[in-house]
Amino acid sequence: MKKRVPALVLALALALTVPAWAAQDTPDNFVRSKTYAGQFSDLTPESTFYDNVAALYAYGLSVGKADGTFGLRDQLTVGQVVIFAGRIRSLYRTGDAEAGPGAYAAENEAAALRYLRYLQAEGVIGTELDESLSPAEKLKVVQGLMAQDDPRAAAVYQSIGVYLGHTLGLYAMFYDIRHVQMMGRVMSGKGGDIIMETASRVMDEEYPDVAFRPEAPDEKTRRVGQSAAAASLPELK
């Protein structure tokens, strides 16, 4: 928990970096909207930082972990700092810790991304943290944009489709391929359809003699591609 204190101070400092036009914002917005009543199993009245953590819950700045703990001994991650900063900023500006970040929410994305986008839109931070995102988190960002029909995201999927079409055409020169089934999280949603449509068009234009085209199962199966592939393996005797 000692490592969390300076990190939370940093989050507070980031969140309260207020531009001149935000003069109407006020610390009076910091009102305890909930009452802590033992929601975190690892926090007792004897805990060193009991009052501090209970206040985080009461102000709506922390809801703890999925297992019902706060994680007193856990190190604070960059994503958690971003979440705290976003909630503090939103609470200061609106009186609601989730109102600001909520406007930047998208389905199937890492928890910290809506808070990161909110802080960037507020001018609190720039793009410094974008490179800290894992490939999986970056994929979720692109998928969230694609769900909103963002042309930048569509261009990403189209590029993937071009590469896929040429790759399959090349493979067909060396292997006797009859069917190719595309699975995995990147193939889910609208983006996956764009990938297959683009790849098929490339193959139609560049490899017309190749008989097969990329196929994909239903949406649910696409998302668990490795599991579906493993379940379809023949039994060895």
C-alpha atoms as a PDB file:
ATOM      1  CA  MET A   1       0.000   0.000   0.000  1.00  0.00           C
ATOM      2  CA  LYS A   2       2.929   2.380   0.619  1.00  0.00           C
ATOM      3  CA  LYS A   3       3.662   2.343  -3.102  1.00  0.00           C
ATOM      4  CA  ARG A   4       0.064   3.309  -3.794  1.00  0.00           C
ATOM      5  CA  VAL A   5       0.165   6.570  -1.831  1.00  0.00           C
ATOM      6  CA  PRO A   6       2.624   8.512  -4.065  1.00  0.00           C
ATOM      7  CA  ALA A   7       0.913   7.081  -7.139  1.00  0.00           C
ATOM      8  CA  LEU A   8      -2.464   8.375  -5.948  1.00  0.00           C
ATOM      9  CA  VAL A   9      -0.906  11.761  -5.217  1.00  0.00           C
ATOM     10  CA  LEU A  10       0.366  11.776  -8.802  1.00  0.00           C
ATOM     11  CA  ALA A  11      -3.110  10.903 -10.054  1.00  0.00           C
ATOM     12  CA  LEU A  12      -4.593  13.758  -8.028  1.00  0.00           C
ATOM     13  CA  ALA A  13      -2.025  16.203  -9.361  1.00  0.00           C
ATOM     14  CA  LEU A  14      -2.733  15.146 -12.934  1.00  0.00           C
ATOM     15  CA  ALA A  15      -6.473  15.309 -12.525  1.00  0.00           C
ATOM     16  CA  LEU A  16      -6.524  18.793 -11.000  1.00  0.00           C
ATOM     17  CA  THR A  17      -4.398  20.379 -13.706  1.00  0.00           C
ATOM     18  CA  VAL A  18      -7.229  22.688 -14.660  1.00  0.00           C
ATOM     19  CA  PRO A  19      -7.133  24.955 -17.739  1.00  0.00           C
ATOM     20  CA  ALA A  20      -8.187  28.572 -17.331  1.00  0.00           C
ATOM     21  CA  TRP A  21     -11.566  28.056 -18.963  1.00  0.00           C
ATOM     22  CA  ALA A  22     -12.609  25.586 -16.250  1.00  0.00           C
ATOM     23  CA  ALA A  23     -12.965  28.228 -13.520  1.00  0.00           C
ATOM     24  CA  GLN A  24     -16.477  27.039 -12.721  1.00  0.00           C
ATOM     25  CA  ASP A  25     -15.129  23.696 -11.485  1.00  0.00           C
ATOM     26  CA  THR A  26     -14.837  23.394  -7.736  1.00  0.00           C
ATOM     27  CA  PRO A  27     -13.569  21.105  -4.960  1.00  0.00           C
ATOM     28  CA  ASP A  28     -17.089  21.362  -3.532  1.00  0.00           C
ATOM     29  CA  ASN A  29     -17.947  18.608  -6.007  1.00  0.00           C
ATOM     30  CA  PHE A  30     -16.041  16.172  -3.800  1.00  0.00           C
ATOM     31  CA  VAL A  31     -19.009  14.749  -1.889  1.00  0.00           C
ATOM     32  CA  ARG A  32     -19.173  11.251  -0.441  1.00  0.00           C
ATOM     33  CA  SER A  33     -21.953   9.535  -2.342  1.00  0.00           C
ATOM     34  CA  LYS A  34     -21.588   6.085  -0.768  1.00  0.00           C
ATOM     35  CA  THR A  35     -20.919   4.637   2.671  1.00  0.00           C
ATOM     36  CA  TYR A  36     -18.123   2.154   3.210  1.00  0.00           C
ATOM     37  CA  ALA A  37     -19.405  -0.871   5.120  1.00  0.00           C
ATOM     38  CA  GLY A  38     -16.761  -3.545   4.750  1.00  0.00           C
ATOM     39  CA  GLN A  39     -16.989  -3.942   0.968  1.00  0.00           C
ATOM     40  CA  PHE A  40     -13.270  -4.859   0.753  1.00  0.00           C
ATOM     41  CA  SER A  41     -12.477  -8.151   2.489  1.00  0.00           C
ATOM     42  CA  ASP A  42      -8.795  -7.263   2.956  1.00  0.00           C
ATOM     43  CA  LEU A  43      -9.539  -3.916   4.647  1.00  0.00           C
ATOM     44  CA  THR A  44     -10.308  -3.881   8.363  1.00  0.00           C
ATOM     45  CA  PRO A  45     -10.582  -0.967  10.835  1.00  0.00           C
ATOM     46  CA  GLU A  46      -7.121  -1.975  12.036  1.00  0.00           C
ATOM     47  CA  SER A  47      -5.575  -1.477   8.589  1.00  0.00           C
ATOM     48  CA  THR A  48      -3.057   1.385   8.442  1.00  0.00           C
ATOM     49  CA  PHE A  49      -4.819   3.109   5.576  1.00  0.00           C
ATOM     50  CA  TYR A  50      -8.383   2.206   6.532  1.00  0.00           C
ATOM     51  CA  ASP A  51      -9.709   5.781   6.493  1.00  0.00           C
ATOM     52  CA  ASN A  52      -7.996   6.574   3.191  1.00  0.00           C
ATOM     53  CA  VAL A  53      -9.290   3.514   1.345  1.00  0.00           C
ATOM     54  CA  ALA A  54     -12.767   3.889   2.853  1.00  0.00           C
ATOM     55  CA  ALA A  55     -12.787   7.483   1.555  1.00  0.00           C
ATOM     56  CA  LEU A  56     -11.806   6.328  -1.953  1.00  0.00           C
ATOM     57  CA  TYR A  57     -14.836   4.056  -1.946  1.00  0.00           C
ATOM     58  CA  ALA A  58     -17.153   6.710  -0.501  1.00  0.00           C
ATOM     59  CA  TYR A  59     -16.178   9.256  -3.158  1.00  0.00           C
ATOM     60  CA  GLY A  60     -16.664   6.684  -5.909  1.00  0.00           C
ATOM     61  CA  LEU A  61     -12.966   6.666  -6.790  1.00  0.00           C
ATOM     62  CA  SER A  62     -12.476   2.933  -6.251  1.00  0.00           C
ATOM     63  CA  VAL A  63     -14.760  -0.056  -6.391  1.00  0.00           C
ATOM     64  CA  GLY A  64     -12.033  -2.589  -5.610  1.00  0.00           C
ATOM     65  CA  LYS A  65     -11.240  -5.787  -7.447  1.00  0.00           C
ATOM     66  CA  ALA A  66     -13.535  -8.456  -8.840  1.00  0.00           C
ATOM     67  CA  ASP A  67     -12.669 -10.806  -5.962  1.00  0.00           C
ATOM     68  CA  GLY A  68     -14.030  -8.358  -3.381  1.00  0.00           C
ATOM     69  CA  THR A  69     -10.665  -7.042  -2.184  1.00  0.00           C
ATOM     70  CA  PHE A  70      -9.006  -3.655  -2.541  1.00  0.00           C
ATOM     71  CA  GLY A  71      -5.536  -5.087  -3.087  1.00  0.00           C
ATOM     72  CA  LEU A  72      -3.728  -3.370  -0.230  1.00  0.00           C
ATOM     73  CA  ARG A  73      -0.429  -5.057  -0.996  1.00  0.00           C
ATOM     74  CA  ASP A  74      -0.668  -4.891  -4.784  1.00  0.00           C
ATOM     75  CA  GLN A  75       1.508  -2.543  -6.791  1.00  0.00           C
ATOM     76  CA  LEU A  76      -0.440   0.130  -8.617  1.00  0.00           C
ATOM     77  CA  THR A  77      -0.314  -0.294 -12.392  1.00  0.00           C
ATOM     78  CA  VAL A  78      -0.177   2.507 -14.970  1.00  0.00           C
ATOM     79  CA  GLY A  79      -3.728   1.656 -15.975  1.00  0.00           C
ATOM     80  CA  GLN A  80      -4.969   2.012 -12.398  1.00  0.00           C
ATOM     81  CA  VAL A  81      -3.268   5.408 -12.049  1.00  0.00           C
ATOM     82  CA  VAL A  82      -5.046   6.518 -15.233  1.00  0.00           C
ATOM     83  CA  ILE A  83      -8.394   5.291 -13.850  1.00  0.00           C
ATOM     84  CA  PHE A  84      -7.884   7.131 -10.557  1.00  0.00           C
ATOM     85  CA  ALA A  85      -6.822  10.313 -12.367  1.00  0.00           C
ATOM     86  CA  GLY A  86      -9.824  10.148 -14.685  1.00  0.00           C
ATOM     87  CA  ARG A  87     -12.261   9.637 -11.831  1.00  0.00           C
ATOM     88  CA  ILE A  88     -10.751  12.444  -9.755  1.00  0.00           C
ATOM     89  CA  ARG A  89     -10.873  14.783 -12.748  1.00  0.00           C
ATOM     90  CA  SER A  90     -14.486  13.896 -13.518  1.00  0.00           C
ATOM     91  CA  LEU A  91     -15.534  14.229  -9.871  1.00  0.00           C
ATOM     92  CA  TYR A  92     -13.910  17.655  -9.679  1.00  0.00           C
ATOM     93  CA  ARG A  93     -15.577  18.847 -12.873  1.00  0.00           C
ATOM     94  CA  THR A  94     -19.018  17.240 -12.644  1.00  0.00           C
ATOM     95  CA  GLY A  95     -19.553  15.818  -9.179  1.00  0.00           C
ATOM     96  CA  ASP A  96     -19.715  12.313 -10.688  1.00  0.00           C
ATOM     97  CA  ALA A  97     -16.547  10.187 -10.921  1.00  0.00           C
ATOM     98  CA  GLU A  98     -17.814   8.306 -13.989  1.00  0.00           C
ATOM     99  CA  ALA A  99     -19.671  11.005 -15.934  1.00  0.00           C
ATOM    100  CA  GLY A 100     -16.674  12.284 -17.887  1.00  0.00           C
ATOM    101  CA  PRO A 101     -15.014   8.955 -18.760  1.00  0.00           C
ATOM    102  CA  GLY A 102     -18.403   7.397 -19.458  1.00  0.00           C
ATOM    103  CA  ALA A 103     -18.735   9.503 -22.590  1.00  0.00           C
ATOM    104  CA  TYR A 104     -15.674   7.750 -24.025  1.00  0.00           C
ATOM    105  CA  ALA A 105     -16.718   4.187 -23.233  1.00  0.00           C
ATOM    106  CA  ALA A 106     -16.724   1.443 -25.858  1.00  0.00           C
ATOM    107  CA  GLU A 107     -17.571  -2.239 -25.696  1.00  0.00           C
ATOM    108  CA  ASN A 108     -14.916  -4.915 -25.300  1.00  0.00           C
ATOM    109  CA  GLU A 109     -12.057  -2.644 -24.323  1.00  0.00           C
ATOM    110  CA  ALA A 110      -9.517  -2.455 -21.502  1.00  0.00           C
ATOM    111  CA  ALA A 111     -10.924  -0.725 -18.419  1.00  0.00           C
ATOM    112  CA  ALA A 112      -8.400   2.127 -18.433  1.00  0.00           C
ATOM    113  CA  LEU A 113      -8.949   3.242 -22.037  1.00  0.00           C
ATOM    114  CA  ARG A 114     -12.070   5.332 -21.484  1.00  0.00           C
ATOM    115  CA  TYR A 115     -10.288   7.208 -18.701  1.00  0.00           C
ATOM    116  CA  LEU A 116      -7.210   7.694 -20.881  1.00  0.00           C
ATOM    117  CA  ARG A 117      -9.288   9.113 -23.731  1.00  0.00           C
ATOM    118  CA  TYR A 118     -11.145  11.373 -21.298  1.00  0.00           C
ATOM    119  CA  LEU A 119      -7.929  12.779 -19.820  1.00  0.00           C
ATOM    120  CA  GLN A 120      -6.525  13.314 -23.309  1.00  0.00           C
ATOM    121  CA  ALA A 121      -9.689  15.124 -24.410  1.00  0.00           C
ATOM    122  CA  GLU A 122      -9.448  17.317 -21.319  1.00  0.00           C
ATOM    123  CA  GLY A 123      -5.875  18.242 -22.189  1.00  0.00           C
ATOM    124  CA  VAL A 124      -4.538  16.782 -18.941  1.00  0.00           C
ATOM    125  CA  ILE A 125      -2.174  14.399 -20.722  1.00  0.00           C
ATOM    126  CA  GLY A 126      -1.126  13.818 -24.289  1.00  0.00           C
ATOM    127  CA  THR A 127      -0.318  10.567 -26.048  1.00  0.00           C
ATOM    128  CA  GLU A 128       2.514   9.679 -23.688  1.00  0.00           C
ATOM    129  CA  LEU A 129       0.773   6.569 -22.353  1.00  0.00           C
ATOM    130  CA  ASP A 130      -0.453   5.174 -25.662  1.00  0.00           C
ATOM    131  CA  GLU A 131       2.699   3.096 -26.145  1.00  0.00           C
ATOM    132  CA  SER A 132       2.204   1.526 -22.719  1.00  0.00           C
ATOM    133  CA  LEU A 133      -0.833  -0.353 -24.041  1.00  0.00           C
ATOM    134  CA  SER A 134      -0.391  -4.016 -24.858  1.00  0.00           C
ATOM    135  CA  PRO A 135      -1.199  -5.316 -28.358  1.00  0.00           C
ATOM    136  CA  ALA A 136      -4.452  -6.751 -26.997  1.00  0.00           C
ATOM    137  CA  GLU A 137      -5.412  -3.363 -25.521  1.00  0.00           C
ATOM    138  CA  LYS A 138      -4.556  -1.608 -28.779  1.00  0.00           C
ATOM    139  CA  LEU A 139      -6.769  -4.093 -30.637  1.00  0.00           C
ATOM    140  CA  LYS A 140      -9.638  -3.227 -28.310  1.00  0.00           C
ATOM    141  CA  VAL A 141      -9.139   0.459 -29.087  1.00  0.00           C
ATOM    142  CA  VAL A 142      -9.336  -0.217 -32.824  1.00  0.00           C
ATOM    143  CA  GLN A 143     -12.374  -2.459 -32.360  1.00  0.00           C
ATOM    144  CA  GLY A 144     -14.086   0.244 -30.328  1.00  0.00           C
ATOM    145  CA  LEU A 145     -13.462   2.759 -33.118  1.00  0.00           C
ATOM    146  CA  MET A 146     -14.651   0.261 -35.726  1.00  0.00           C
ATOM    147  CA  ALA A 147     -17.903  -0.205 -33.804  1.00  0.00           C
ATOM    148  CA  GLN A 148     -18.443   3.530 -34.368  1.00  0.00           C
ATOM    149  CA  ASP A 149     -17.619   3.157 -38.103  1.00  0.00           C
ATOM    150  CA  ASP A 150     -14.452   5.214 -37.731  1.00  0.00           C
ATOM    151  CA  PRO A 151     -12.738   5.311 -41.164  1.00  0.00           C
ATOM    152  CA  ARG A 152      -9.290   5.119 -39.529  1.00  0.00           C
ATOM    153  CA  ALA A 153     -10.150   1.767 -38.009  1.00  0.00           C
ATOM    154  CA  ALA A 154     -11.639   0.552 -41.290  1.00  0.00           C
ATOM    155  CA  ALA A 155      -8.343   1.403 -43.012  1.00  0.00           C
ATOM    156  CA  VAL A 156      -6.465  -0.761 -40.487  1.00  0.00           C
ATOM    157  CA  TYR A 157      -8.675  -3.767 -41.242  1.00  0.00           C
ATOM    158  CA  GLN A 158      -8.456  -3.173 -44.984  1.00  0.00           C
ATOM    159  CA  SER A 159      -4.656  -3.243 -44.778  1.00  0.00           C
ATOM    160  CA  ILE A 160      -4.800  -6.513 -42.874  1.00  0.00           C
ATOM    161  CA  GLY A 161      -7.126  -7.901 -45.545  1.00  0.00           C
ATOM    162  CA  VAL A 162      -4.686  -6.966 -48.317  1.00  0.00           C
ATOM    163  CA  TYR A 163      -1.826  -8.724 -46.555  1.00  0.00           C
ATOM    164  CA  LEU A 164      -4.028 -11.753 -45.870  1.00  0.00           C
ATOM    165  CA  GLY A 165      -5.170 -12.028 -49.510  1.00  0.00           C
ATOM    166  CA  HIS A 166      -1.605 -12.018 -50.846  1.00  0.00           C
ATOM    167  CA  THR A 167      -0.441 -14.411 -48.111  1.00  0.00           C
ATOM    168  CA  LEU A 168      -3.147 -16.953 -48.916  1.00  0.00           C
ATOM    169  CA  GLY A 169      -2.380 -16.648 -52.613  1.00  0.00           C
ATOM    170  CA  LEU A 170       1.279 -17.358 -51.865  1.00  0.00           C
ATOM    171  CA  TYR A 171       0.447 -20.352 -49.637  1.00  0.00           C
ATOM    172  CA  ALA A 172      -1.694 -21.813 -52.414  1.00  0.00           C
ATOM    173  CA  MET A 173       1.418 -22.056 -54.569  1.00  0.00           C
ATOM    174  CA  PHE A 174       2.962 -24.546 -52.140  1.00  0.00           C
ATOM    175  CA  TYR A 175       0.053 -26.279 -50.396  1.00  0.00           C
ATOM    176  CA  ASP A 176      -3.103 -28.029 -51.562  1.00  0.00           C
ATOM    177  CA  ILE A 177      -5.616 -25.868 -49.684  1.00  0.00           C
ATOM    178  CA  ARG A 178      -9.356 -26.376 -49.946  1.00  0.00           C
ATOM    179  CA  HIS A 179     -10.679 -24.347 -47.009  1.00  0.00           C
ATOM    180  CA  VAL A 180      -9.249 -21.624 -44.767  1.00  0.00           C
ATOM    181  CA  GLN A 181     -11.180 -20.692 -41.663  1.00  0.00           C
ATOM    182  CA  MET A 182     -10.323 -17.383 -39.997  1.00  0.00           C
ATOM    183  CA  MET A 183     -10.667 -17.187 -36.218  1.00  0.00           C
ATOM    184  CA  GLY A 184      -9.349 -15.147 -33.330  1.00  0.00           C
ATOM    185  CA  ARG A 185     -10.367 -11.897 -31.662  1.00  0.00           C
ATOM    186  CA  VAL A 186      -9.061  -9.726 -34.501  1.00  0.00           C
ATOM    187  CA  MET A 187     -11.589 -11.420 -36.800  1.00  0.00           C
ATOM    188  CA  SER A 188     -14.580 -10.504 -34.635  1.00  0.00           C
ATOM    189  CA  GLY A 189     -17.001  -7.687 -35.286  1.00  0.00           C
ATOM    190  CA  LYS A 190     -17.247  -5.456 -38.340  1.00  0.00           C
ATOM    191  CA  GLY A 191     -13.480  -5.429 -38.709  1.00  0.00           C
ATOM    192  CA  GLY A 192     -13.312  -9.162 -39.299  1.00  0.00           C
ATOM    193  CA  ASP A 193     -15.855  -8.873 -42.109  1.00  0.00           C
ATOM    194  CA  ILE A 194     -13.769  -6.127 -43.726  1.00  0.00           C
ATOM    195  CA  ILE A 195     -10.660  -8.307 -43.526  1.00  0.00           C
ATOM    196  CA  MET A 196     -12.356 -11.219 -45.293  1.00  0.00           C
ATOM    197  CA  GLU A 197     -14.040  -9.033 -47.922  1.00  0.00           C
ATOM    198  CA  THR A 198     -10.771  -7.283 -48.727  1.00  0.00           C
ATOM    199  CA  ALA A 199      -8.769 -10.531 -48.798  1.00  0.00           C
ATOM    200  CA  SER A 200     -11.323 -12.144 -51.118  1.00  0.00           C
ATOM    201  CA  ARG A 201     -11.219  -9.163 -53.467  1.00  0.00           C
ATOM    202  CA  VAL A 202      -7.411  -9.283 -53.595  1.00  0.00           C
ATOM    203  CA  MET A 203      -7.533 -12.990 -54.397  1.00  0.00           C
ATOM    204  CA  ASP A 204     -10.190 -12.436 -57.078  1.00  0.00           C
ATOM    205  CA  GLU A 205      -8.004  -9.831 -58.765  1.00  0.00           C
ATOM    206  CA  GLU A 206      -4.526 -11.242 -58.222  1.00  0.00           C
ATOM    207  CA  TYR A 207      -5.025 -15.007 -57.774  1.00  0.00           C
ATOM    208  CA  PRO A 208      -8.148 -15.923 -59.803  1.00  0.00           C
ATOM    209  CA  ASP A 209      -6.985 -19.524 -60.254  1.00  0.00           C
ATOM    210  CA  VAL A 210      -6.969 -20.169 -56.510  1.00  0.00           C
ATOM    211  CA  ALA A 211     -10.238 -21.942 -55.690  1.00  0.00           C
ATOM    212  CA  PHE A 212     -10.687 -21.181 -51.994  1.00  0.00           C
ATOM    213  CA  ARG A 213     -11.476 -17.917 -50.210  1.00  0.00           C
ATOM    214  CA  PRO A 214     -11.211 -17.089 -46.493  1.00  0.00           C
ATOM    215  CA  GLU A 215     -14.187 -18.189 -44.408  1.00  0.00           C
ATOM    216  CA  ALA A 216     -15.199 -17.563 -40.806  1.00  0.00           C
ATOM    217  CA  PRO A 217     -17.565 -19.217 -38.306  1.00  0.00           C
ATOM    218  CA  ASP A 218     -20.166 -17.378 -36.229  1.00  0.00           C
ATOM    219  CA  GLU A 219     -19.174 -14.400 -34.082  1.00  0.00           C
ATOM    220  CA  LYS A 220     -18.954 -16.333 -30.807  1.00  0.00           C
ATOM    221  CA  THR A 221     -16.691 -19.016 -32.272  1.00  0.00           C
ATOM    222  CA  ARG A 222     -14.423 -16.439 -33.886  1.00  0.00           C
ATOM    223  CA  ARG A 223     -13.651 -14.910 -30.504  1.00  0.00           C
ATOM    224  CA  VAL A 224     -12.474 -18.234 -29.064  1.00  0.00           C
ATOM    225  CA  GLY A 225     -10.592 -19.387 -32.129  1.00  0.00           C
ATOM    226  CA  GLN A 226      -7.844 -21.314 -30.367  1.00  0.00           C
ATOM    227  CA  SER A 227     -10.354 -23.204 -28.215  1.00  0.00           C
ATOM    228  CA  ALA A 228     -12.494 -24.039 -31.244  1.00  0.00           C
ATOM    229  CA  ALA A 229      -9.460 -25.250 -33.187  1.00  0.00           C
ATOM    230  CA  ALA A 230      -8.272 -27.388 -30.268  1.00  0.00           C
ATOM    231  CA  ALA A 231     -11.723 -28.927 -29.821  1.00  0.00           C
ATOM    232  CA  SER A 232     -11.809 -29.928 -33.489  1.00  0.00           C
ATOM    233  CA  LEU A 233      -8.511 -31.800 -33.453  1.00  0.00           C
ATOM    234  CA  PRO A 234      -8.816 -35.533 -34.209  1.00  0.00           C
ATOM    235  CA  GLU A 235      -8.219 -37.981 -31.404  1.00  0.00           C
ATOM    236  CA  LEU A 236      -4.852 -39.756 -31.581  1.00  0.00           C
ATOM    237  CA  LYS A 237      -4.846 -43.485 -30.899  1.00  0.00           C
END
